[in-house]
Amino acid sequence: MNEPSVYRIFIVEDDPWYAEILTYHLSSNPDYELYRFTTGKDCLKQLRKALPHLITIDYSLPDTNGGNCFDVFTNKCLIHP
């Protein structure tokens, strides 16, 4: 099995402080390509272009909650934990 050269990580977080903390720690690994979103809708738009290897989802987003957002990910993109 071939390992990807870059791992795409989606950070879905509307709180700038938490998003920055996650970005800071994850960006220390050069093999991670990070994408930050403040709404579930913005993240779903990006899913049409590239699937992530990992998604971190805030439970309280401005346009939905993390559980609903995860359900959409799994149903539309066939992502399974």
N, C-alpha and C. Protein backbone atom coordinates (compact mmCIF):
# COMPACT_ATOMS: atom_id res chain seq x y z
N MET A 1 0.85 -1.18 0.00
CA MET A 1 0.00 0.00 0.00
C MET A 1 0.89 1.24 0.00
N ASN A 2 0.61 2.17 -0.88
CA ASN A 2 1.38 3.41 -0.96
C ASN A 2 0.87 4.43 0.03
N GLU A 3 1.78 4.99 0.77
CA GLU A 3 1.43 6.06 1.70
C GLU A 3 1.41 7.39 0.95
N PRO A 4 0.46 8.26 1.25
CA PRO A 4 0.45 9.57 0.58
C PRO A 4 1.67 10.39 1.01
N SER A 5 2.16 11.23 0.11
CA SER A 5 3.30 12.08 0.46
C SER A 5 2.88 13.25 1.34
N VAL A 6 1.61 13.64 1.22
CA VAL A 6 1.07 14.72 2.04
C VAL A 6 -0.27 14.28 2.59
N TYR A 7 -0.49 14.56 3.87
CA TYR A 7 -1.76 14.24 4.52
C TYR A 7 -2.57 15.52 4.64
N ARG A 8 -3.76 15.52 4.03
CA ARG A 8 -4.66 16.68 4.10
C ARG A 8 -5.46 16.62 5.40
N ILE A 9 -5.41 17.70 6.14
CA ILE A 9 -6.15 17.80 7.40
C ILE A 9 -7.06 19.02 7.32
N PHE A 10 -8.35 18.78 7.55
CA PHE A 10 -9.32 19.86 7.58
C PHE A 10 -9.59 20.23 9.03
N ILE A 11 -9.45 21.51 9.34
CA ILE A 11 -9.77 22.04 10.67
C ILE A 11 -11.03 22.87 10.51
N VAL A 12 -12.12 22.41 11.10
CA VAL A 12 -13.39 23.13 11.01
C VAL A 12 -13.66 23.71 12.39
N GLU A 13 -13.36 24.98 12.55
CA GLU A 13 -13.41 25.64 13.86
C GLU A 13 -13.70 27.12 13.66
N ASP A 14 -14.75 27.62 14.30
CA ASP A 14 -15.10 29.04 14.16
C ASP A 14 -14.40 29.93 15.18
N ASP A 15 -13.84 29.36 16.22
CA ASP A 15 -13.12 30.15 17.22
C ASP A 15 -11.67 30.33 16.75
N PRO A 16 -11.26 31.56 16.46
CA PRO A 16 -9.92 31.79 15.92
C PRO A 16 -8.80 31.27 16.83
N TRP A 17 -9.00 31.37 18.14
CA TRP A 17 -7.96 30.93 19.07
C TRP A 17 -7.74 29.42 18.97
N TYR A 18 -8.82 28.65 19.01
CA TYR A 18 -8.69 27.19 18.92
C TYR A 18 -8.14 26.78 17.55
N ALA A 19 -8.61 27.43 16.51
CA ALA A 19 -8.11 27.12 15.16
C ALA A 19 -6.62 27.39 15.06
N GLU A 20 -6.18 28.47 15.66
CA GLU A 20 -4.76 28.81 15.61
C GLU A 20 -3.92 27.82 16.42
N ILE A 21 -4.42 27.38 17.56
CA ILE A 21 -3.70 26.39 18.37
C ILE A 21 -3.54 25.09 17.58
N LEU A 22 -4.62 24.60 16.98
CA LEU A 22 -4.55 23.38 16.18
C LEU A 22 -3.59 23.56 15.00
N THR A 23 -3.70 24.68 14.32
CA THR A 23 -2.84 24.94 13.17
C THR A 23 -1.38 25.01 13.59
N TYR A 24 -1.11 25.68 14.68
CA TYR A 24 0.26 25.82 15.17
C TYR A 24 0.90 24.45 15.42
N HIS A 25 0.20 23.61 16.14
CA HIS A 25 0.76 22.30 16.49
C HIS A 25 0.86 21.36 15.28
N LEU A 26 -0.14 21.37 14.44
CA LEU A 26 -0.12 20.47 13.29
C LEU A 26 0.83 20.94 12.20
N SER A 27 1.06 22.22 12.09
CA SER A 27 1.91 22.75 11.02
C SER A 27 3.39 22.44 11.24
N SER A 28 3.74 21.95 12.41
CA SER A 28 5.15 21.59 12.64
C SER A 28 5.55 20.36 11.85
N ASN A 29 4.59 19.61 11.33
CA ASN A 29 4.89 18.44 10.52
C ASN A 29 4.80 18.84 9.04
N PRO A 30 5.91 18.75 8.31
CA PRO A 30 5.89 19.18 6.89
C PRO A 30 5.05 18.27 5.99
N ASP A 31 4.66 17.11 6.49
CA ASP A 31 3.85 16.18 5.70
C ASP A 31 2.35 16.48 5.79
N TYR A 32 1.98 17.49 6.57
CA TYR A 32 0.57 17.84 6.74
C TYR A 32 0.24 19.08 5.91
N GLU A 33 -0.82 18.97 5.15
CA GLU A 33 -1.36 20.11 4.41
C GLU A 33 -2.65 20.50 5.11
N LEU A 34 -2.66 21.67 5.72
CA LEU A 34 -3.79 22.09 6.55
C LEU A 34 -4.74 23.01 5.80
N TYR A 35 -6.03 22.79 6.04
CA TYR A 35 -7.09 23.63 5.51
C TYR A 35 -7.96 24.05 6.69
N ARG A 36 -8.18 25.36 6.82
CA ARG A 36 -9.01 25.86 7.92
C ARG A 36 -10.33 26.41 7.38
N PHE A 37 -11.40 26.08 8.11
CA PHE A 37 -12.74 26.54 7.75
C PHE A 37 -13.45 27.02 9.01
N THR A 38 -14.27 28.04 8.86
CA THR A 38 -15.04 28.55 9.99
C THR A 38 -16.49 28.10 9.97
N THR A 39 -16.92 27.49 8.86
CA THR A 39 -18.28 26.97 8.77
C THR A 39 -18.26 25.58 8.13
N GLY A 40 -19.27 24.81 8.42
CA GLY A 40 -19.42 23.51 7.79
C GLY A 40 -19.63 23.65 6.29
N LYS A 41 -20.36 24.67 5.88
CA LYS A 41 -20.64 24.90 4.46
C LYS A 41 -19.35 25.11 3.67
N ASP A 42 -18.44 25.91 4.20
CA ASP A 42 -17.17 26.15 3.51
C ASP A 42 -16.35 24.86 3.39
N CYS A 43 -16.40 24.05 4.42
CA CYS A 43 -15.67 22.78 4.39
C CYS A 43 -16.27 21.84 3.35
N LEU A 44 -17.58 21.78 3.27
CA LEU A 44 -18.24 20.92 2.28
C LEU A 44 -17.89 21.33 0.85
N LYS A 45 -17.74 22.62 0.61
CA LYS A 45 -17.34 23.08 -0.72
C LYS A 45 -15.96 22.52 -1.08
N GLN A 46 -15.05 22.52 -0.12
CA GLN A 46 -13.70 22.03 -0.37
C GLN A 46 -13.69 20.51 -0.57
N LEU A 47 -14.63 19.80 0.04
CA LEU A 47 -14.69 18.35 -0.11
C LEU A 47 -14.90 17.93 -1.55
N ARG A 48 -15.51 18.80 -2.34
CA ARG A 48 -15.72 18.49 -3.76
C ARG A 48 -14.40 18.49 -4.53
N LYS A 49 -13.39 19.20 -3.98
CA LYS A 49 -12.10 19.32 -4.67
C LYS A 49 -11.09 18.28 -4.19
N ALA A 50 -11.08 18.02 -2.89
CA ALA A 50 -10.10 17.08 -2.34
C ALA A 50 -10.62 16.49 -1.04
N LEU A 51 -10.43 15.19 -0.87
CA LEU A 51 -10.85 14.54 0.37
C LEU A 51 -9.72 14.60 1.39
N PRO A 52 -10.07 14.88 2.63
CA PRO A 52 -9.04 14.93 3.67
C PRO A 52 -8.71 13.53 4.20
N HIS A 53 -7.57 13.42 4.82
CA HIS A 53 -7.21 12.20 5.53
C HIS A 53 -7.69 12.27 6.98
N LEU A 54 -7.87 13.49 7.48
CA LEU A 54 -8.33 13.71 8.85
C LEU A 54 -9.14 14.99 8.90
N ILE A 55 -10.21 14.98 9.70
CA ILE A 55 -11.03 16.17 9.90
C ILE A 55 -11.19 16.39 11.40
N THR A 56 -10.92 17.62 11.85
CA THR A 56 -11.27 18.00 13.21
C THR A 56 -12.46 18.94 13.09
N ILE A 57 -13.52 18.66 13.85
CA ILE A 57 -14.77 19.42 13.72
C ILE A 57 -15.18 19.97 15.08
N ASP A 58 -15.38 21.27 15.13
CA ASP A 58 -15.96 21.92 16.30
C ASP A 58 -17.42 21.50 16.39
N TYR A 59 -17.89 21.26 17.59
CA TYR A 59 -19.29 20.85 17.71
C TYR A 59 -20.24 22.02 17.48
N SER A 60 -19.86 23.22 17.90
CA SER A 60 -20.74 24.39 17.77
C SER A 60 -20.23 25.30 16.67
N LEU A 61 -20.76 25.12 15.48
CA LEU A 61 -20.40 25.98 14.34
C LEU A 61 -21.54 26.96 14.08
N PRO A 62 -21.26 28.07 13.39
CA PRO A 62 -22.31 29.06 13.16
C PRO A 62 -23.47 28.55 12.29
N ASP A 63 -23.18 27.63 11.38
CA ASP A 63 -24.23 27.20 10.45
C ASP A 63 -24.74 25.79 10.72
N THR A 64 -24.12 25.04 11.60
CA THR A 64 -24.53 23.67 11.91
C THR A 64 -23.81 23.23 13.17
N ASN A 65 -24.02 21.99 13.58
CA ASN A 65 -23.19 21.48 14.67
C ASN A 65 -22.27 20.39 14.11
N GLY A 66 -21.26 20.05 14.86
CA GLY A 66 -20.26 19.09 14.39
C GLY A 66 -20.84 17.74 14.03
N GLY A 67 -21.84 17.29 14.78
CA GLY A 67 -22.47 16.00 14.49
C GLY A 67 -23.15 15.99 13.14
N ASN A 68 -23.91 17.05 12.86
CA ASN A 68 -24.57 17.14 11.55
C ASN A 68 -23.56 17.25 10.42
N CYS A 69 -22.52 18.02 10.66
CA CYS A 69 -21.47 18.20 9.66
C CYS A 69 -20.80 16.85 9.36
N PHE A 70 -20.51 16.09 10.40
CA PHE A 70 -19.89 14.78 10.21
C PHE A 70 -20.82 13.84 9.44
N ASP A 71 -22.12 13.89 9.73
CA ASP A 71 -23.08 13.06 9.00
C ASP A 71 -23.06 13.37 7.50
N VAL A 72 -22.99 14.65 7.17
CA VAL A 72 -22.93 15.04 5.76
C VAL A 72 -21.64 14.51 5.13
N PHE A 73 -20.52 14.63 5.85
CA PHE A 73 -19.24 14.11 5.33
C PHE A 73 -19.36 12.63 5.01
N THR A 74 -19.87 11.87 5.95
CA THR A 74 -19.92 10.42 5.76
C THR A 74 -20.91 10.02 4.67
N ASN A 75 -22.03 10.71 4.58
CA ASN A 75 -23.02 10.38 3.57
C ASN A 75 -22.62 10.80 2.15
N LYS A 76 -22.07 11.99 2.02
CA LYS A 76 -21.73 12.50 0.68
C LYS A 76 -20.38 12.00 0.18
N CYS A 77 -19.47 11.75 1.08
CA CYS A 77 -18.10 11.43 0.65
C CYS A 77 -17.69 10.01 0.96
N LEU A 78 -18.59 9.26 1.56
CA LEU A 78 -18.29 7.89 1.92
C LEU A 78 -17.05 7.77 2.79
N ILE A 79 -16.91 8.74 3.70
CA ILE A 79 -15.81 8.70 4.66
C ILE A 79 -16.29 7.91 5.86
N HIS A 80 -15.52 6.94 6.27
CA HIS A 80 -15.89 6.14 7.42
C HIS A 80 -14.73 6.09 8.40
N PRO A 81 -15.04 6.28 9.69
CA PRO A 81 -13.96 6.25 10.69
C PRO A 81 -13.36 4.87 10.82
